[in-house]
Amino acid sequence: MLPAELRRRDGIKAGQEFEIESLGRGDYKLKRVARRNRGLVKHLLACPAKDWFKPLGRTETTDGIEPLELG
């Protein structure tokens, strides 16, 4: 857990994710992971048209698809 002073100073909120890089024995670098489109999903779910938008499950995303090589 990060000390409260660091969390306040850097605006770190509960639930934020970080990448951890080892710099050597006992030394680490934390890099905040940007959240993707969470506000957009919330906005789409609030659409007044019933069932207009349904988010896909984690297994139904395109994140694992490798791009085709064209040419």
Protein backbone atom coordinates (compact mmCIF):
# COMPACT_ATOMS: atom_id res chain seq x y z
CA MET A 1 0.00 0.00 0.00
CA LEU A 2 1.25 3.47 -0.81
CA PRO A 3 1.51 5.96 2.06
CA ALA A 4 -1.42 8.41 2.34
CA GLU A 5 0.90 11.40 1.82
CA LEU A 6 1.98 10.08 -1.60
CA ARG A 7 -1.61 9.25 -2.61
CA ARG A 8 -2.79 12.77 -1.72
CA ARG A 9 0.16 14.49 -3.40
CA ASP A 10 -0.21 12.57 -6.65
CA GLY A 11 -4.02 12.35 -6.73
CA ILE A 12 -4.07 8.55 -6.54
CA LYS A 13 -7.58 7.18 -6.05
CA ALA A 14 -8.69 3.78 -4.75
CA GLY A 15 -8.82 1.17 -7.49
CA GLN A 16 -6.33 2.84 -9.83
CA GLU A 17 -3.98 0.40 -11.54
CA PHE A 18 -0.22 0.64 -11.99
CA GLU A 19 2.44 -1.13 -14.02
CA ILE A 20 5.42 -2.13 -11.89
CA GLU A 21 8.95 -2.18 -13.31
CA SER A 22 11.87 -3.58 -11.37
CA LEU A 23 14.83 -1.20 -11.41
CA GLY A 24 17.04 -3.46 -9.33
CA ARG A 25 16.92 -5.31 -6.06
CA GLY A 26 14.36 -3.52 -3.88
CA ASP A 27 13.84 -0.59 -6.29
CA TYR A 28 10.69 -0.31 -8.37
CA LYS A 29 9.05 2.16 -10.73
CA LEU A 30 5.26 2.57 -10.69
CA LYS A 31 3.49 3.88 -13.78
CA ARG A 32 -0.20 4.72 -13.61
CA VAL A 33 -2.29 2.81 -16.16
CA ALA A 34 -4.76 5.05 -17.96
CA ARG A 35 -8.35 3.87 -17.85
CA ARG A 36 -9.91 3.45 -21.25
CA ASN A 37 -13.32 4.93 -22.08
CA ARG A 38 -14.93 4.29 -18.70
CA GLY A 39 -16.79 7.59 -18.99
CA LEU A 40 -17.96 6.70 -22.48
CA VAL A 41 -19.42 3.36 -21.35
CA LYS A 42 -21.22 5.08 -18.45
CA HIS A 43 -22.61 7.67 -20.89
CA LEU A 44 -23.81 5.01 -23.33
CA LEU A 45 -25.45 2.98 -20.57
CA ALA A 46 -27.39 6.10 -19.54
CA CYS A 47 -28.98 6.37 -23.02
CA PRO A 48 -32.76 6.83 -22.66
CA ALA A 49 -33.50 4.28 -25.42
CA LYS A 50 -33.96 0.98 -23.55
CA ASP A 51 -31.27 -1.62 -24.28
CA TRP A 52 -29.69 0.60 -26.94
CA PHE A 53 -26.19 -0.20 -25.69
CA LYS A 54 -24.96 -3.41 -24.08
CA PRO A 55 -21.26 -3.63 -23.12
CA LEU A 56 -19.47 -6.78 -24.22
CA GLY A 57 -17.94 -9.14 -21.71
CA ARG A 58 -14.17 -9.18 -21.26
CA THR A 59 -13.87 -12.28 -23.46
CA GLU A 60 -15.75 -10.57 -26.28
CA THR A 61 -13.41 -7.63 -26.82
CA THR A 62 -10.99 -7.16 -29.69
CA ASP A 63 -7.97 -6.74 -27.37
CA GLY A 64 -6.55 -10.18 -28.22
CA ILE A 65 -6.97 -9.96 -32.00
CA GLU A 66 -3.73 -9.65 -33.94
CA PRO A 67 -3.84 -7.29 -36.95
CA LEU A 68 -3.67 -8.88 -40.39
CA GLU A 69 -0.64 -8.18 -42.54
CA LEU A 70 -1.76 -6.65 -45.79
CA GLY A 71 0.27 -6.67 -48.95
